[in-house]
Amino acid sequence: MASRKIDRTKQPAALPPQALPPAPPPLPPVEVLAVRPRDAARMLGVGLRTLWRLVARDEIEVKRISPVQTLVVVESLRRFLARPSPPARRSPNSANLKQKQRAA
Protein backbone atom coordinates (compact mmCIF):
# COMPACT_ATOMS: atom_id res chain seq x y z
CA MET A 1 0.00 0.00 0.00
CA ALA A 2 1.28 3.40 -0.88
CA SER A 3 0.99 6.10 1.77
CA ARG A 4 -0.35 9.49 0.84
CA LYS A 5 1.79 12.45 1.74
CA ILE A 6 0.02 15.46 3.22
CA ASP A 7 1.39 18.89 2.45
CA ARG A 8 1.38 20.63 5.86
CA THR A 9 2.89 23.85 4.50
CA LYS A 10 -0.40 25.02 3.02
CA GLN A 11 -2.35 27.43 5.19
CA PRO A 12 -6.10 27.02 5.42
CA ALA A 13 -8.01 29.47 3.29
CA ALA A 14 -8.85 32.60 5.27
CA LEU A 15 -12.36 33.92 5.19
CA PRO A 16 -12.79 37.22 3.43
CA PRO A 17 -13.13 40.13 5.91
CA GLN A 18 -16.75 40.80 5.01
CA ALA A 19 -17.69 37.24 6.00
CA LEU A 20 -16.57 37.75 9.62
CA PRO A 21 -19.15 39.05 12.08
CA PRO A 22 -18.45 42.48 13.53
CA ALA A 23 -16.57 42.52 16.81
CA PRO A 24 -18.69 43.37 19.85
CA PRO A 25 -18.09 46.80 21.39
CA PRO A 26 -15.54 46.83 24.23
CA LEU A 27 -16.91 46.57 27.74
CA PRO A 28 -16.62 49.64 29.97
CA PRO A 29 -13.93 49.45 32.66
CA VAL A 30 -15.09 47.92 35.93
CA GLU A 31 -14.48 49.82 39.16
CA VAL A 32 -12.86 47.58 41.75
CA LEU A 33 -14.79 47.89 45.02
CA ALA A 34 -12.88 45.43 47.19
CA VAL A 35 -9.60 43.52 47.06
CA ARG A 36 -8.00 40.63 48.91
CA PRO A 37 -5.99 41.51 52.01
CA ARG A 38 -2.65 40.69 50.37
CA ASP A 39 -3.43 43.05 47.49
CA ALA A 40 -4.61 45.76 49.91
CA ALA A 41 -1.35 45.50 51.86
CA ARG A 42 0.60 45.75 48.62
CA MET A 43 -1.43 48.80 47.57
CA LEU A 44 -0.58 50.53 50.86
CA GLY A 45 3.04 49.42 50.80
CA VAL A 46 2.78 47.65 54.16
CA GLY A 47 2.90 44.06 55.33
CA LEU A 48 -0.09 41.87 56.06
CA ARG A 49 0.46 42.16 59.81
CA THR A 50 0.31 45.97 59.61
CA LEU A 51 -2.84 45.76 57.49
CA TRP A 52 -4.54 43.54 60.09
CA ARG A 53 -3.49 45.98 62.86
CA LEU A 54 -5.16 48.79 60.93
CA VAL A 55 -8.28 46.63 60.52
CA ALA A 56 -8.30 45.85 64.26
CA ARG A 57 -8.14 49.60 65.01
CA ASP A 58 -11.08 50.18 62.60
CA GLU A 59 -8.93 52.36 60.36
CA ILE A 60 -9.61 50.11 57.36
CA GLU A 61 -12.93 48.45 56.57
CA VAL A 62 -13.26 44.78 55.62
CA LYS A 63 -16.19 42.63 54.51
CA ARG A 64 -16.49 38.95 55.34
CA ILE A 65 -17.68 37.23 52.18
CA SER A 66 -17.63 33.74 53.67
CA PRO A 67 -16.14 32.07 56.75
CA VAL A 68 -12.84 31.76 54.89
CA GLN A 69 -12.75 34.86 52.68
CA THR A 70 -12.39 38.51 53.64
CA LEU A 71 -12.23 41.46 51.27
CA VAL A 72 -10.85 44.94 52.01
CA VAL A 73 -13.00 47.85 50.87
CA VAL A 74 -10.96 49.99 48.44
CA GLU A 75 -12.73 53.21 49.47
CA SER A 76 -11.55 52.68 53.06
CA LEU A 77 -7.97 52.47 51.74
CA ARG A 78 -8.48 55.80 49.97
CA ARG A 79 -9.91 57.39 53.14
CA PHE A 80 -6.99 56.05 55.18
CA LEU A 81 -4.45 57.53 52.78
CA ALA A 82 -6.28 60.88 52.59
CA ARG A 83 -6.07 61.44 56.36
CA PRO A 84 -3.25 63.62 57.64
CA SER A 85 -0.28 61.68 58.97
CA PRO A 86 0.57 61.91 62.65
CA PRO A 87 3.80 63.75 63.43
CA ALA A 88 6.89 61.57 63.27
CA ARG A 89 8.16 60.36 66.61
CA ARG A 90 11.77 61.03 67.42
CA SER A 91 13.82 58.53 69.26
CA PRO A 92 15.49 59.76 72.47
CA ASN A 93 18.90 59.19 70.87
CA SER A 94 18.25 61.49 67.91
CA ALA A 95 18.36 64.61 70.13
CA ASN A 96 21.64 63.44 71.66
CA LEU A 97 23.14 62.87 68.22
CA LYS A 98 22.25 66.40 67.09
CA GLN A 99 23.82 67.88 70.23
CA LYS A 100 26.99 65.86 69.68
CA GLN A 101 27.16 66.97 66.04
CA ARG A 102 26.81 70.64 67.04
CA ALA A 103 29.54 70.30 69.67
CA ALA A 104 31.98 68.72 67.20
PDB file of N, CA and C in Angstrom:
ATOM      1  N   MET A   1       0.823  -1.182   0.000  1.00  0.00           N
ATOM      2  CA  MET A   1       0.000   0.000   0.000  1.00  0.00           C
ATOM      3  C   MET A   1       0.867   1.246   0.000  1.00  0.00           C
ATOM      4  N   ALA A   2       0.519   2.166  -0.800  1.00  0.00           N
ATOM      5  CA  ALA A   2       1.277   3.403  -0.878  1.00  0.00           C
ATOM      6  C   ALA A   2       0.660   4.418   0.084  1.00  0.00           C
ATOM      7  N   SER A   3       1.513   5.104   0.828  1.00  0.00           N
ATOM      8  CA  SER A   3       0.987   6.099   1.768  1.00  0.00           C
ATOM      9  C   SER A   3       0.879   7.446   1.063  1.00  0.00           C
ATOM     10  N   ARG A   4      -0.140   8.165   1.422  1.00  0.00           N
ATOM     11  CA  ARG A   4      -0.345   9.492   0.838  1.00  0.00           C
ATOM     12  C   ARG A   4       0.370  10.531   1.666  1.00  0.00           C
ATOM     13  N   LYS A   5       1.106  11.377   1.020  1.00  0.00           N
ATOM     14  CA  LYS A   5       1.785  12.449   1.741  1.00  0.00           C
ATOM     15  C   LYS A   5       0.852  13.652   1.813  1.00  0.00           C
ATOM     16  N   ILE A   6       0.859  14.274   3.008  1.00  0.00           N
ATOM     17  CA  ILE A   6       0.024  15.457   3.221  1.00  0.00           C
ATOM     18  C   ILE A   6       0.941  16.665   3.268  1.00  0.00           C
ATOM     19  N   ASP A   7       0.601  17.662   2.465  1.00  0.00           N
ATOM     20  CA  ASP A   7       1.390  18.887   2.452  1.00  0.00           C
ATOM     21  C   ASP A   7       0.929  19.775   3.611  1.00  0.00           C
ATOM     22  N   ARG A   8       1.738  19.857   4.666  1.00  0.00           N
ATOM     23  CA  ARG A   8       1.381  20.634   5.858  1.00  0.00           C
ATOM     24  C   ARG A   8       1.823  22.095   5.750  1.00  0.00           C
ATOM     25  N   THR A   9       2.445  22.473   4.670  1.00  0.00           N
ATOM     26  CA  THR A   9       2.890  23.855   4.503  1.00  0.00           C
ATOM     27  C   THR A   9       1.774  24.757   4.028  1.00  0.00           C
ATOM     28  N   LYS A  10       0.716  24.205   3.493  1.00  0.00           N
ATOM     29  CA  LYS A  10      -0.398  25.019   3.019  1.00  0.00           C
ATOM     30  C   LYS A  10      -1.199  25.544   4.202  1.00  0.00           C
ATOM     31  N   GLN A  11      -1.523  26.804   4.159  1.00  0.00           N
ATOM     32  CA  GLN A  11      -2.348  27.425   5.189  1.00  0.00           C
ATOM     33  C   GLN A  11      -3.812  27.252   4.786  1.00  0.00           C
ATOM     34  N   PRO A  12      -4.683  27.099   5.772  1.00  0.00           N
ATOM     35  CA  PRO A  12      -6.102  27.023   5.424  1.00  0.00           C
ATOM     36  C   PRO A  12      -6.556  28.350   4.828  1.00  0.00           C
ATOM     37  N   ALA A  13      -7.500  28.263   3.948  1.00  0.00           N
ATOM     38  CA  ALA A  13      -8.005  29.465   3.286  1.00  0.00           C
ATOM     39  C   ALA A  13      -8.665  30.372   4.311  1.00  0.00           C
ATOM     40  N   ALA A  14      -8.266  31.636   4.333  1.00  0.00           N
ATOM     41  CA  ALA A  14      -8.846  32.601   5.268  1.00  0.00           C
ATOM     42  C   ALA A  14     -10.172  33.097   4.712  1.00  0.00           C
ATOM     43  N   LEU A  15     -11.075  33.379   5.615  1.00  0.00           N
ATOM     44  CA  LEU A  15     -12.361  33.919   5.191  1.00  0.00           C
ATOM     45  C   LEU A  15     -12.168  35.375   4.783  1.00  0.00           C
ATOM     46  N   PRO A  16     -12.880  35.800   3.798  1.00  0.00           N
ATOM     47  CA  PRO A  16     -12.791  37.215   3.430  1.00  0.00           C
ATOM     48  C   PRO A  16     -13.293  38.075   4.600  1.00  0.00           C
ATOM     49  N   PRO A  17     -12.758  39.292   4.771  1.00  0.00           N
ATOM     50  CA  PRO A  17     -13.132  40.129   5.913  1.00  0.00           C
ATOM     51  C   PRO A  17     -14.626  40.386   6.033  1.00  0.00           C
ATOM     52  N   GLN A  18     -15.327  40.513   4.930  1.00  0.00           N
ATOM     53  CA  GLN A  18     -16.755  40.802   5.010  1.00  0.00           C
ATOM     54  C   GLN A  18     -17.543  39.605   5.540  1.00  0.00           C
ATOM     55  N   ALA A  19     -16.980  38.419   5.528  1.00  0.00           N
ATOM     56  CA  ALA A  19     -17.694  37.245   6.002  1.00  0.00           C
ATOM     57  C   ALA A  19     -17.626  37.123   7.528  1.00  0.00           C
ATOM     58  N   LEU A  20     -16.684  37.833   8.161  1.00  0.00           N
ATOM     59  CA  LEU A  20     -16.566  37.752   9.615  1.00  0.00           C
ATOM     60  C   LEU A  20     -17.618  38.640  10.272  1.00  0.00           C
ATOM     61  N   PRO A  21     -18.172  38.187  11.391  1.00  0.00           N
ATOM     62  CA  PRO A  21     -19.151  39.048  12.079  1.00  0.00           C
ATOM     63  C   PRO A  21     -18.422  40.226  12.733  1.00  0.00           C
ATOM     64  N   PRO A  22     -19.113  41.322  12.911  1.00  0.00           N
ATOM     65  CA  PRO A  22     -18.455  42.483  13.527  1.00  0.00           C
ATOM     66  C   PRO A  22     -18.100  42.178  14.988  1.00  0.00           C
ATOM     67  N   ALA A  23     -16.996  42.738  15.424  1.00  0.00           N
ATOM     68  CA  ALA A  23     -16.572  42.525  16.811  1.00  0.00           C
ATOM     69  C   ALA A  23     -17.520  43.257  17.749  1.00  0.00           C
ATOM     70  N   PRO A  24     -17.804  42.677  18.907  1.00  0.00           N
ATOM     71  CA  PRO A  24     -18.688  43.373  19.851  1.00  0.00           C
ATOM     72  C   PRO A  24     -17.979  44.604  20.412  1.00  0.00           C
ATOM     73  N   PRO A  25     -18.730  45.604  20.843  1.00  0.00           N
ATOM     74  CA  PRO A  25     -18.089  46.801  21.388  1.00  0.00           C
ATOM     75  C   PRO A  25     -17.362  46.452  22.691  1.00  0.00           C
ATOM     76  N   PRO A  26     -16.268  47.148  22.996  1.00  0.00           N
ATOM     77  CA  PRO A  26     -15.536  46.834  24.230  1.00  0.00           C
ATOM     78  C   PRO A  26     -16.381  47.144  25.458  1.00  0.00           C
ATOM     79  N   LEU A  27     -16.174  46.355  26.500  1.00  0.00           N
ATOM     80  CA  LEU A  27     -16.908  46.575  27.743  1.00  0.00           C
ATOM     81  C   LEU A  27     -16.317  47.769  28.481  1.00  0.00           C
ATOM     82  N   PRO A  28     -17.153  48.513  29.204  1.00  0.00           N
ATOM     83  CA  PRO A  28     -16.617  49.637  29.965  1.00  0.00           C
ATOM     84  C   PRO A  28     -15.745  49.110  31.113  1.00  0.00           C
ATOM     85  N   PRO A  29     -14.772  49.905  31.563  1.00  0.00           N
ATOM     86  CA  PRO A  29     -13.933  49.447  32.661  1.00  0.00           C
ATOM     87  C   PRO A  29     -14.762  49.241  33.924  1.00  0.00           C
ATOM     88  N   VAL A  30     -14.376  48.259  34.706  1.00  0.00           N
ATOM     89  CA  VAL A  30     -15.093  47.924  35.931  1.00  0.00           C
ATOM     90  C   VAL A  30     -14.353  48.549  37.112  1.00  0.00           C
ATOM     91  N   GLU A  31     -15.084  49.232  37.963  1.00  0.00           N
ATOM     92  CA  GLU A  31     -14.478  49.820  39.156  1.00  0.00           C
ATOM     93  C   GLU A  31     -14.327  48.734  40.212  1.00  0.00           C
ATOM     94  N   VAL A  32     -13.126  48.581  40.724  1.00  0.00           N
ATOM     95  CA  VAL A  32     -12.863  47.581  41.754  1.00  0.00           C
ATOM     96  C   VAL A  32     -13.337  48.142  43.085  1.00  0.00           C
ATOM     97  N   LEU A  33     -14.231  47.424  43.758  1.00  0.00           N
ATOM     98  CA  LEU A  33     -14.788  47.888  45.022  1.00  0.00           C
ATOM     99  C   LEU A  33     -14.079  47.300  46.229  1.00  0.00           C
ATOM    100  N   ALA A  34     -13.547  46.090  46.078  1.00  0.00           N
ATOM    101  CA  ALA A  34     -12.880  45.426  47.191  1.00  0.00           C
ATOM    102  C   ALA A  34     -11.775  44.529  46.647  1.00  0.00           C
ATOM    103  N   VAL A  35     -10.737  44.343  47.459  1.00  0.00           N
ATOM    104  CA  VAL A  35      -9.600  43.519  47.062  1.00  0.00           C
ATOM    105  C   VAL A  35      -9.253  42.563  48.200  1.00  0.00           C
ATOM    106  N   ARG A  36      -8.456  41.568  47.890  1.00  0.00           N
ATOM    107  CA  ARG A  36      -7.997  40.633  48.910  1.00  0.00           C
ATOM    108  C   ARG A  36      -7.004  41.331  49.829  1.00  0.00           C
ATOM    109  N   PRO A  37      -6.895  40.855  51.055  1.00  0.00           N
ATOM    110  CA  PRO A  37      -5.990  41.506  52.014  1.00  0.00           C
ATOM    111  C   PRO A  37      -4.546  41.624  51.515  1.00  0.00           C
ATOM    112  N   ARG A  38      -4.028  40.618  50.869  1.00  0.00           N
ATOM    113  CA  ARG A  38      -2.646  40.687  50.369  1.00  0.00           C
ATOM    114  C   ARG A  38      -2.495  41.822  49.363  1.00  0.00           C
ATOM    115  N   ASP A  39      -3.484  41.976  48.477  1.00  0.00           N
ATOM    116  CA  ASP A  39      -3.432  43.054  47.489  1.00  0.00           C
ATOM    117  C   ASP A  39      -3.584  44.418  48.161  1.00  0.00           C
ATOM    118  N   ALA A  40      -4.434  44.497  49.189  1.00  0.00           N
ATOM    119  CA  ALA A  40      -4.609  45.758  49.909  1.00  0.00           C
ATOM    120  C   ALA A  40      -3.311  46.160  50.601  1.00  0.00           C
ATOM    121  N   ALA A  41      -2.633  45.201  51.212  1.00  0.00           N
ATOM    122  CA  ALA A  41      -1.353  45.496  51.860  1.00  0.00           C
ATOM    123  C   ALA A  41      -0.344  45.976  50.836  1.00  0.00           C
ATOM    124  N   ARG A  42      -0.320  45.340  49.682  1.00  0.00           N
ATOM    125  CA  ARG A  42       0.604  45.746  48.618  1.00  0.00           C
ATOM    126  C   ARG A  42       0.261  47.160  48.128  1.00  0.00           C
ATOM    127  N   MET A  43      -1.020  47.478  48.015  1.00  0.00           N
ATOM    128  CA  MET A  43      -1.435  48.804  47.571  1.00  0.00           C
ATOM    129  C   MET A  43      -0.982  49.890  48.550  1.00  0.00           C
ATOM    130  N   LEU A  44      -0.996  49.569  49.845  1.00  0.00           N
ATOM    131  CA  LEU A  44      -0.580  50.533  50.860  1.00  0.00           C
ATOM    132  C   LEU A  44       0.930  50.550  51.062  1.00  0.00           C
ATOM    133  N   GLY A  45       1.600  49.510  50.593  1.00  0.00           N
ATOM    134  CA  GLY A  45       3.038  49.421  50.797  1.00  0.00           C
ATOM    135  C   GLY A  45       3.402  48.963  52.195  1.00  0.00           C
ATOM    136  N   VAL A  46       2.528  48.163  52.814  1.00  0.00           N
ATOM    137  CA  VAL A  46       2.777  47.647  54.155  1.00  0.00           C
ATOM    138  C   VAL A  46       2.666  46.129  54.131  1.00  0.00           C
ATOM    139  N   GLY A  47       3.033  45.502  55.212  1.00  0.00           N
ATOM    140  CA  GLY A  47       2.902  44.059  55.329  1.00  0.00           C
ATOM    141  C   GLY A  47       1.500  43.669  55.761  1.00  0.00           C
ATOM    142  N   LEU A  48       1.227  42.375  55.665  1.00  0.00           N
ATOM    143  CA  LEU A  48      -0.089  41.875  56.062  1.00  0.00           C
ATOM    144  C   LEU A  48      -0.360  42.115  57.540  1.00  0.00           C
ATOM    145  N   ARG A  49       0.659  41.955  58.366  1.00  0.00           N
ATOM    146  CA  ARG A  49       0.463  42.161  59.806  1.00  0.00           C
ATOM    147  C   ARG A  49       0.040  43.598  60.089  1.00  0.00           C
ATOM    148  N   THR A  50       0.682  44.555  59.427  1.00  0.00           N
ATOM    149  CA  THR A  50       0.310  45.966  59.610  1.00  0.00           C
ATOM    150  C   THR A  50      -1.107  46.211  59.117  1.00  0.00           C
ATOM    151  N   LEU A  51      -1.474  45.604  58.005  1.00  0.00           N
ATOM    152  CA  LEU A  51      -2.836  45.759  57.487  1.00  0.00           C
ATOM    153  C   LEU A  51      -3.842  45.263  58.513  1.00  0.00           C
ATOM    154  N   TRP A  52      -3.594  44.096  59.115  1.00  0.00           N
ATOM    155  CA  TRP A  52      -4.539  43.543  60.088  1.00  0.00           C
ATOM    156  C   TRP A  52      -4.581  44.394  61.353  1.00  0.00           C
ATOM    157  N   ARG A  53      -3.461  45.048  61.717  1.00  0.00           N
ATOM    158  CA  ARG A  53      -3.491  45.983  62.857  1.00  0.00           C
ATOM    159  C   ARG A  53      -4.405  47.164  62.542  1.00  0.00           C
ATOM    160  N   LEU A  54      -4.304  47.681  61.327  1.00  0.00           N
ATOM    161  CA  LEU A  54      -5.164  48.793  60.926  1.00  0.00           C
ATOM    162  C   LEU A  54      -6.631  48.375  60.915  1.00  0.00           C
ATOM    163  N   VAL A  55      -6.903  47.142  60.504  1.00  0.00           N
ATOM    164  CA  VAL A  55      -8.280  46.629  60.520  1.00  0.00           C
ATOM    165  C   VAL A  55      -8.764  46.513  61.962  1.00  0.00           C
ATOM    166  N   ALA A  56      -7.917  46.018  62.857  1.00  0.00           N
ATOM    167  CA  ALA A  56      -8.300  45.853  64.261  1.00  0.00           C
ATOM    168  C   ALA A  56      -8.593  47.202  64.916  1.00  0.00           C
ATOM    169  N   ARG A  57      -7.903  48.261  64.464  1.00  0.00           N
ATOM    170  CA  ARG A  57      -8.137  49.605  65.011  1.00  0.00           C
ATOM    171  C   ARG A  57      -9.254  50.333  64.267  1.00  0.00           C
ATOM    172  N   ASP A  58      -9.973  49.624  63.397  1.00  0.00           N
ATOM    173  CA  ASP A  58     -11.079  50.183  62.598  1.00  0.00           C
ATOM    174  C   ASP A  58     -10.642  51.345  61.720  1.00  0.00           C
ATOM    175  N   GLU A  59      -9.401  51.327  61.272  1.00  0.00           N
ATOM    176  CA  GLU A  59      -8.930  52.355  60.357  1.00  0.00           C
ATOM    177  C   GLU A  59      -9.153  51.943  58.901  1.00  0.00           C
ATOM    178  N   ILE A  60      -9.332  50.646  58.691  1.00  0.00           N
ATOM    179  CA  ILE A  60      -9.605  50.106  57.356  1.00  0.00           C
ATOM    180  C   ILE A  60     -10.781  49.145  57.481  1.00  0.00           C
ATOM    181  N   GLU A  61     -11.704  49.244  56.529  1.00  0.00           N
ATOM    182  CA  GLU A  61     -12.931  48.448  56.565  1.00  0.00           C
ATOM    183  C   GLU A  61     -12.779  47.154  55.755  1.00  0.00           C
ATOM    184  N   VAL A  62     -13.269  46.061  56.324  1.00  0.00           N
ATOM    185  CA  VAL A  62     -13.262  44.781  55.625  1.00  0.00           C
ATOM    186  C   VAL A  62     -14.672  44.221  55.579  1.00  0.00           C
ATOM    187  N   LYS A  63     -14.904  43.329  54.648  1.00  0.00           N
ATOM    188  CA  LYS A  63     -16.187  42.629  54.510  1.00  0.00           C
ATOM    189  C   LYS A  63     -15.914  41.131  54.492  1.00  0.00           C
ATOM    190  N   ARG A  64     -16.601  40.396  55.344  1.00  0.00           N
ATOM    191  CA  ARG A  64     -16.492  38.947  55.345  1.00  0.00           C
ATOM    192  C   ARG A  64     -17.436  38.421  54.266  1.00  0.00           C
ATOM    193  N   ILE A  65     -16.885  37.775  53.268  1.00  0.00           N
ATOM    194  CA  ILE A  65     -17.681  37.228  52.177  1.00  0.00           C
ATOM    195  C   ILE A  65     -18.158  35.828  52.543  1.00  0.00           C
ATOM    196  N   SER A  66     -17.307  35.091  53.218  1.00  0.00           N
ATOM    197  CA  SER A  66     -17.626  33.740  53.673  1.00  0.00           C
ATOM    198  C   SER A  66     -16.793  33.486  54.921  1.00  0.00           C
ATOM    199  N   PRO A  67     -16.957  32.346  55.569  1.00  0.00           N
ATOM    200  CA  PRO A  67     -16.139  32.068  56.753  1.00  0.00           C
ATOM    201  C   PRO A  67     -14.639  32.045  56.475  1.00  0.00           C
ATOM    202  N   VAL A  68     -14.260  31.860  55.214  1.00  0.00           N
ATOM    203  CA  VAL A  68     -12.836  31.762  54.895  1.00  0.00           C
ATOM    204  C   VAL A  68     -12.326  32.887  53.999  1.00  0.00           C
ATOM    205  N   GLN A  69     -13.198  33.804  53.585  1.00  0.00           N
ATOM    206  CA  GLN A  69     -12.747  34.858  52.683  1.00  0.00           C
ATOM    207  C   GLN A  69     -13.166  36.227  53.189  1.00  0.00           C
ATOM    208  N   THR A  70     -12.178  37.131  53.229  1.00  0.00           N
ATOM    209  CA  THR A  70     -12.387  38.508  53.642  1.00  0.00           C
ATOM    210  C   THR A  70     -11.891  39.416  52.526  1.00  0.00           C
ATOM    211  N   LEU A  71     -12.638  40.474  52.263  1.00  0.00           N
ATOM    212  CA  LEU A  71     -12.230  41.465  51.274  1.00  0.00           C
ATOM    213  C   LEU A  71     -12.065  42.812  51.962  1.00  0.00           C
ATOM    214  N   VAL A  72     -11.111  43.597  51.477  1.00  0.00           N
ATOM    215  CA  VAL A  72     -10.849  44.936  52.006  1.00  0.00           C
ATOM    216  C   VAL A  72     -11.507  45.943  51.073  1.00  0.00           C
ATOM    217  N   VAL A  73     -12.283  46.849  51.646  1.00  0.00           N
ATOM    218  CA  VAL A  73     -13.004  47.852  50.865  1.00  0.00           C
ATOM    219  C   VAL A  73     -12.003  48.900  50.369  1.00  0.00           C
ATOM    220  N   VAL A  74     -11.942  49.082  49.058  1.00  0.00           N
ATOM    221  CA  VAL A  74     -10.965  49.992  48.441  1.00  0.00           C
ATOM    222  C   VAL A  74     -11.195  51.431  48.897  1.00  0.00           C
ATOM    223  N   GLU A  75     -12.435  51.838  49.042  1.00  0.00           N
ATOM    224  CA  GLU A  75     -12.728  53.211  49.469  1.00  0.00           C
ATOM    225  C   GLU A  75     -12.159  53.480  50.856  1.00  0.00           C
ATOM    226  N   SER A  76     -12.134  52.478  51.728  1.00  0.00           N
ATOM    227  CA  SER A  76     -11.554  52.684  53.064  1.00  0.00           C
ATOM    228  C   SER A  76     -10.037  52.868  52.963  1.00  0.00           C
ATOM    229  N   LEU A  77      -9.400  52.239  51.961  1.00  0.00           N
ATOM    230  CA  LEU A  77      -7.972  52.472  51.743  1.00  0.00           C
ATOM    231  C   LEU A  77      -7.739  53.914  51.297  1.00  0.00           C
ATOM    232  N   ARG A  78      -8.605  54.415  50.431  1.00  0.00           N
ATOM    233  CA  ARG A  78      -8.479  55.803  49.974  1.00  0.00           C
ATOM    234  C   ARG A  78      -8.669  56.782  51.127  1.00  0.00           C
ATOM    235  N   ARG A  79      -9.676  56.520  51.979  1.00  0.00           N
ATOM    236  CA  ARG A  79      -9.906  57.393  53.139  1.00  0.00           C
ATOM    237  C   ARG A  79      -8.710  57.367  54.082  1.00  0.00           C
ATOM    238  N   PHE A  80      -8.148  56.182  54.288  1.00  0.00           N
ATOM    239  CA  PHE A  80      -6.993  56.052  55.179  1.00  0.00           C
ATOM    240  C   PHE A  80      -5.815  56.871  54.654  1.00  0.00           C
ATOM    241  N   LEU A  81      -5.572  56.793  53.358  1.00  0.00           N
ATOM    242  CA  LEU A  81      -4.447  57.534  52.778  1.00  0.00           C
ATOM    243  C   LEU A  81      -4.699  59.036  52.723  1.00  0.00           C
ATOM    244  N   ALA A  82      -5.957  59.462  52.677  1.00  0.00           N
ATOM    245  CA  ALA A  82      -6.275  60.880  52.585  1.00  0.00           C
ATOM    246  C   ALA A  82      -6.155  61.580  53.935  1.00  0.00           C
ATOM    247  N   ARG A  83      -6.171  60.826  55.034  1.00  0.00           N
ATOM    248  CA  ARG A  83      -6.066  61.437  56.363  1.00  0.00           C
ATOM    249  C   ARG A  83      -4.674  62.024  56.559  1.00  0.00           C
ATOM    250  N   PRO A  84      -4.577  63.086  57.353  1.00  0.00           N
ATOM    251  CA  PRO A  84      -3.246  63.617  57.637  1.00  0.00           C
ATOM    252  C   PRO A  84      -2.445  62.629  58.476  1.00  0.00           C
ATOM    253  N   SER A  85      -1.157  62.583  58.227  1.00  0.00           N
ATOM    254  CA  SER A  85      -0.279  61.676  58.967  1.00  0.00           C
ATOM    255  C   SER A  85       0.016  62.256  60.338  1.00  0.00           C
ATOM    256  N   PRO A  86       0.163  61.397  61.346  1.00  0.00           N
ATOM    257  CA  PRO A  86       0.569  61.912  62.654  1.00  0.00           C
ATOM    258  C   PRO A  86       2.014  62.378  62.583  1.00  0.00           C
ATOM    259  N   PRO A  87       2.411  63.295  63.464  1.00  0.00           N
ATOM    260  CA  PRO A  87       3.801  63.752  63.425  1.00  0.00           C
ATOM    261  C   PRO A  87       4.758  62.601  63.715  1.00  0.00           C
ATOM    262  N   ALA A  88       5.906  62.642  63.085  1.00  0.00           N
ATOM    263  CA  ALA A  88       6.890  61.575  63.266  1.00  0.00           C
ATOM    264  C   ALA A  88       7.429  61.619  64.691  1.00  0.00           C
ATOM    265  N   ARG A  89       7.588  60.442  65.268  1.00  0.00           N
ATOM    266  CA  ARG A  89       8.158  60.361  66.615  1.00  0.00           C
ATOM    267  C   ARG A  89       9.669  60.341  66.505  1.00  0.00           C
ATOM    268  N   ARG A  90      10.312  61.041  67.396  1.00  0.00           N
ATOM    269  CA  ARG A  90      11.767  61.032  67.421  1.00  0.00           C
ATOM    270  C   ARG A  90      12.224  60.101  68.513  1.00  0.00           C
ATOM    271  N   SER A  91      13.270  59.403  68.223  1.00  0.00           N
ATOM    272  CA  SER A  91      13.823  58.529  69.259  1.00  0.00           C
ATOM    273  C   SER A  91      14.615  59.389  70.237  1.00  0.00           C
ATOM    274  N   PRO A  92      14.745  58.959  71.491  1.00  0.00           N
ATOM    275  CA  PRO A  92      15.488  59.757  72.468  1.00  0.00           C
ATOM    276  C   PRO A  92      16.938  59.967  72.049  1.00  0.00           C
ATOM    277  N   ASN A  93      17.504  59.070  71.282  1.00  0.00           N
ATOM    278  CA  ASN A  93      18.897  59.190  70.874  1.00  0.00           C
ATOM    279  C   ASN A  93      19.105  60.228  69.773  1.00  0.00           C
ATOM    280  N   SER A  94      18.070  60.552  69.011  1.00  0.00           N
ATOM    281  CA  SER A  94      18.249  61.494  67.908  1.00  0.00           C
ATOM    282  C   SER A  94      18.592  62.882  68.428  1.00  0.00           C
ATOM    283  N   ALA A  95      18.026  63.298  69.563  1.00  0.00           N
ATOM    284  CA  ALA A  95      18.357  64.605  70.134  1.00  0.00           C
ATOM    285  C   ALA A  95      19.801  64.622  70.601  1.00  0.00           C
ATOM    286  N   ASN A  96      20.256  63.525  71.200  1.00  0.00           N
ATOM    287  CA  ASN A  96      21.644  63.439  71.663  1.00  0.00           C
ATOM    288  C   ASN A  96      22.611  63.497  70.494  1.00  0.00           C
ATOM    289  N   LEU A  97      22.275  62.856  69.392  1.00  0.00           N
ATOM    290  CA  LEU A  97      23.145  62.872  68.220  1.00  0.00           C
ATOM    291  C   LEU A  97      23.293  64.286  67.665  1.00  0.00           C
ATOM    292  N   LYS A  98      22.195  65.038  67.612  1.00  0.00           N
ATOM    293  CA  LYS A  98      22.254  66.395  67.090  1.00  0.00           C
ATOM    294  C   LYS A  98      23.126  67.278  67.988  1.00  0.00           C
ATOM    295  N   GLN A  99      22.990  67.081  69.307  1.00  0.00           N
ATOM    296  CA  GLN A  99      23.817  67.876  70.228  1.00  0.00           C
ATOM    297  C   GLN A  99      25.297  67.544  70.048  1.00  0.00           C
ATOM    298  N   LYS A 100      25.598  66.278  69.870  1.00  0.00           N
ATOM    299  CA  LYS A 100      26.991  65.860  69.675  1.00  0.00           C
ATOM    300  C   LYS A 100      27.552  66.408  68.366  1.00  0.00           C
ATOM    301  N   GLN A 101      26.706  66.447  67.322  1.00  0.00           N
ATOM    302  CA  GLN A 101      27.158  66.974  66.040  1.00  0.00           C
ATOM    303  C   GLN A 101      27.430  68.475  66.129  1.00  0.00           C
ATOM    304  N   ARG A 102      26.609  69.197  66.887  1.00  0.00           N
ATOM    305  CA  ARG A 102      26.810  70.642  67.040  1.00  0.00           C
ATOM    306  C   ARG A 102      28.096  70.927  67.821  1.00  0.00           C
ATOM    307  N   ALA A 103      28.371  70.084  68.825  1.00  0.00           N
ATOM    308  CA  ALA A 103      29.543  70.305  69.667  1.00  0.00           C
ATOM    309  C   ALA A 103      30.836  70.000  68.908  1.00  0.00           C
ATOM    310  N   ALA A 104      30.750  69.130  67.926  1.00  0.00           N
ATOM    311  CA  ALA A 104      31.984  68.724  67.198  1.00  0.00           C
ATOM    312  C   ALA A 104      32.424  69.727  66.192  1.00  0.00           C
TER     313      ALA A 104
END
